[in-house]
Amino acid sequence: MRNNIFLILSVILLGINIYQLDFQNPLAGDSKIAVIGVLGCLVAIVLILILIKSQKIDEKIKNKD
């Protein structure tokens, strides 16, 4: 449950950072911070998805015995 909340928060922050991007000049001013935020959110999403999958695998292994 807690992982899903973090996943939802990461997706919301990703949307906010994408909204802040200036696509004409993505590495200038506040847009540079938004690019870093987008990359950070993407990394967080991937890590949370890996955590969720590993917990499901762990549950299957424990239930098998």
N, C-alpha and C. Protein backbone atom coordinates (compact mmCIF):
# COMPACT_ATOMS: atom_id res chain seq x y z
N MET A 1 0.82 -1.19 0.00
CA MET A 1 0.00 0.00 0.00
C MET A 1 0.87 1.26 0.00
N ARG A 2 1.89 1.24 0.85
CA ARG A 2 2.78 2.39 0.96
C ARG A 2 3.54 2.61 -0.35
N ASN A 3 3.91 1.51 -1.01
CA ASN A 3 4.64 1.63 -2.27
C ASN A 3 3.78 2.28 -3.35
N ASN A 4 2.49 1.95 -3.34
CA ASN A 4 1.59 2.54 -4.34
C ASN A 4 1.43 4.04 -4.12
N ILE A 5 1.43 4.47 -2.87
CA ILE A 5 1.34 5.90 -2.58
C ILE A 5 2.58 6.61 -3.11
N PHE A 6 3.75 6.03 -2.88
CA PHE A 6 4.98 6.64 -3.39
C PHE A 6 5.00 6.65 -4.92
N LEU A 7 4.47 5.61 -5.52
CA LEU A 7 4.40 5.56 -6.98
C LEU A 7 3.50 6.66 -7.52
N ILE A 8 2.35 6.85 -6.90
CA ILE A 8 1.43 7.91 -7.32
C ILE A 8 2.06 9.28 -7.14
N LEU A 9 2.74 9.50 -6.00
CA LEU A 9 3.41 10.78 -5.77
C LEU A 9 4.50 11.04 -6.81
N SER A 10 5.23 10.00 -7.19
CA SER A 10 6.27 10.15 -8.20
C SER A 10 5.68 10.54 -9.54
N VAL A 11 4.56 9.92 -9.90
CA VAL A 11 3.93 10.24 -11.18
C VAL A 11 3.40 11.68 -11.16
N ILE A 12 2.82 12.11 -10.04
CA ILE A 12 2.34 13.49 -9.93
C ILE A 12 3.50 14.48 -10.06
N LEU A 13 4.59 14.21 -9.35
CA LEU A 13 5.77 15.09 -9.46
C LEU A 13 6.35 15.09 -10.87
N LEU A 14 6.30 13.94 -11.54
CA LEU A 14 6.76 13.88 -12.92
C LEU A 14 5.93 14.80 -13.80
N GLY A 15 4.62 14.78 -13.62
CA GLY A 15 3.75 15.65 -14.39
C GLY A 15 4.03 17.12 -14.13
N ILE A 16 4.23 17.46 -12.87
CA ILE A 16 4.52 18.85 -12.52
C ILE A 16 5.83 19.30 -13.16
N ASN A 17 6.84 18.46 -13.11
CA ASN A 17 8.13 18.83 -13.69
C ASN A 17 8.07 18.92 -15.21
N ILE A 18 7.30 18.06 -15.84
CA ILE A 18 7.16 18.15 -17.30
C ILE A 18 6.45 19.44 -17.67
N TYR A 19 5.48 19.84 -16.84
CA TYR A 19 4.78 21.10 -17.09
C TYR A 19 5.73 22.30 -17.00
N GLN A 20 6.74 22.21 -16.16
CA GLN A 20 7.68 23.32 -15.97
C GLN A 20 8.76 23.39 -17.05
N LEU A 21 8.88 22.35 -17.87
CA LEU A 21 9.93 22.32 -18.89
C LEU A 21 9.68 23.33 -19.99
N ASP A 22 10.76 23.93 -20.45
CA ASP A 22 10.73 24.76 -21.65
C ASP A 22 11.36 23.92 -22.75
N PHE A 23 10.54 23.41 -23.66
CA PHE A 23 11.03 22.47 -24.67
C PHE A 23 11.89 23.14 -25.73
N GLN A 24 11.83 24.45 -25.84
CA GLN A 24 12.67 25.17 -26.79
C GLN A 24 14.12 25.25 -26.30
N ASN A 25 14.28 25.40 -24.97
CA ASN A 25 15.61 25.50 -24.38
C ASN A 25 15.60 24.78 -23.03
N PRO A 26 15.73 23.44 -23.06
CA PRO A 26 15.52 22.67 -21.83
C PRO A 26 16.65 22.78 -20.79
N LEU A 27 17.78 23.33 -21.15
CA LEU A 27 18.88 23.39 -20.20
C LEU A 27 19.21 24.81 -19.75
N ALA A 28 18.21 25.66 -19.72
CA ALA A 28 18.43 27.04 -19.29
C ALA A 28 17.47 27.40 -18.17
N GLY A 29 18.00 28.06 -17.16
CA GLY A 29 17.18 28.58 -16.07
C GLY A 29 16.45 27.52 -15.26
N ASP A 30 15.17 27.80 -15.00
CA ASP A 30 14.35 26.88 -14.21
C ASP A 30 14.09 25.57 -14.93
N SER A 31 14.20 25.59 -16.24
CA SER A 31 13.96 24.38 -17.00
C SER A 31 15.02 23.31 -16.71
N LYS A 32 16.23 23.75 -16.37
CA LYS A 32 17.28 22.79 -16.02
C LYS A 32 16.90 22.02 -14.76
N ILE A 33 16.32 22.73 -13.81
CA ILE A 33 15.88 22.09 -12.57
C ILE A 33 14.74 21.11 -12.86
N ALA A 34 13.87 21.48 -13.79
CA ALA A 34 12.77 20.60 -14.16
C ALA A 34 13.28 19.34 -14.84
N VAL A 35 14.32 19.46 -15.65
CA VAL A 35 14.91 18.27 -16.29
C VAL A 35 15.48 17.33 -15.23
N ILE A 36 16.16 17.88 -14.26
CA ILE A 36 16.71 17.07 -13.17
C ILE A 36 15.57 16.41 -12.39
N GLY A 37 14.49 17.14 -12.17
CA GLY A 37 13.33 16.59 -11.48
C GLY A 37 12.68 15.46 -12.26
N VAL A 38 12.58 15.62 -13.57
CA VAL A 38 12.00 14.57 -14.42
C VAL A 38 12.85 13.31 -14.35
N LEU A 39 14.15 13.47 -14.46
CA LEU A 39 15.04 12.31 -14.39
C LEU A 39 14.97 11.64 -13.03
N GLY A 40 14.92 12.44 -11.97
CA GLY A 40 14.80 11.88 -10.62
C GLY A 40 13.50 11.12 -10.44
N CYS A 41 12.41 11.66 -10.95
CA CYS A 41 11.11 10.98 -10.85
C CYS A 41 11.10 9.68 -11.63
N LEU A 42 11.70 9.68 -12.81
CA LEU A 42 11.76 8.45 -13.60
C LEU A 42 12.57 7.37 -12.88
N VAL A 43 13.68 7.76 -12.28
CA VAL A 43 14.48 6.80 -11.52
C VAL A 43 13.68 6.26 -10.34
N ALA A 44 12.97 7.14 -9.64
CA ALA A 44 12.17 6.72 -8.49
C ALA A 44 11.07 5.76 -8.92
N ILE A 45 10.42 6.03 -10.05
CA ILE A 45 9.36 5.15 -10.54
C ILE A 45 9.92 3.77 -10.86
N VAL A 46 11.05 3.72 -11.53
CA VAL A 46 11.66 2.43 -11.87
C VAL A 46 12.03 1.66 -10.60
N LEU A 47 12.62 2.34 -9.63
CA LEU A 47 13.00 1.67 -8.38
C LEU A 47 11.78 1.16 -7.61
N ILE A 48 10.71 1.93 -7.58
CA ILE A 48 9.51 1.50 -6.88
C ILE A 48 8.88 0.30 -7.58
N LEU A 49 8.88 0.30 -8.91
CA LEU A 49 8.34 -0.85 -9.64
C LEU A 49 9.18 -2.10 -9.40
N ILE A 50 10.49 -1.95 -9.32
CA ILE A 50 11.36 -3.09 -9.00
C ILE A 50 11.06 -3.60 -7.60
N LEU A 51 10.86 -2.70 -6.64
CA LEU A 51 10.54 -3.08 -5.28
C LEU A 51 9.22 -3.84 -5.21
N ILE A 52 8.21 -3.38 -5.93
CA ILE A 52 6.91 -4.04 -5.93
C ILE A 52 7.03 -5.45 -6.51
N LYS A 53 7.74 -5.60 -7.61
CA LYS A 53 7.93 -6.92 -8.23
C LYS A 53 8.71 -7.85 -7.31
N SER A 54 9.74 -7.34 -6.65
CA SER A 54 10.53 -8.19 -5.77
C SER A 54 9.72 -8.64 -4.56
N GLN A 55 8.83 -7.79 -4.07
CA GLN A 55 7.97 -8.19 -2.95
C GLN A 55 6.98 -9.27 -3.39
N LYS A 56 6.47 -9.18 -4.61
CA LYS A 56 5.56 -10.21 -5.11
C LYS A 56 6.29 -11.54 -5.27
N ILE A 57 7.51 -11.50 -5.75
CA ILE A 57 8.31 -12.72 -5.89
C ILE A 57 8.59 -13.32 -4.53
N ASP A 58 8.92 -12.48 -3.56
CA ASP A 58 9.19 -12.95 -2.20
C ASP A 58 7.96 -13.63 -1.60
N GLU A 59 6.77 -13.06 -1.82
CA GLU A 59 5.55 -13.66 -1.31
C GLU A 59 5.29 -15.02 -1.95
N LYS A 60 5.54 -15.14 -3.26
CA LYS A 60 5.34 -16.42 -3.94
C LYS A 60 6.30 -17.48 -3.40
N ILE A 61 7.53 -17.08 -3.13
CA ILE A 61 8.51 -18.04 -2.61
C ILE A 61 8.12 -18.49 -1.20
N LYS A 62 7.66 -17.58 -0.37
CA LYS A 62 7.26 -17.92 0.99
C LYS A 62 6.01 -18.80 1.00
N ASN A 63 5.07 -18.55 0.10
CA ASN A 63 3.85 -19.35 0.03
C ASN A 63 4.08 -20.73 -0.57
N LYS A 64 5.15 -20.89 -1.33
CA LYS A 64 5.44 -22.16 -1.96
C LYS A 64 5.89 -23.20 -0.94
N ASP A 65 6.61 -22.77 0.08
CA ASP A 65 7.13 -23.72 1.09
C ASP A 65 6.09 -24.20 2.03
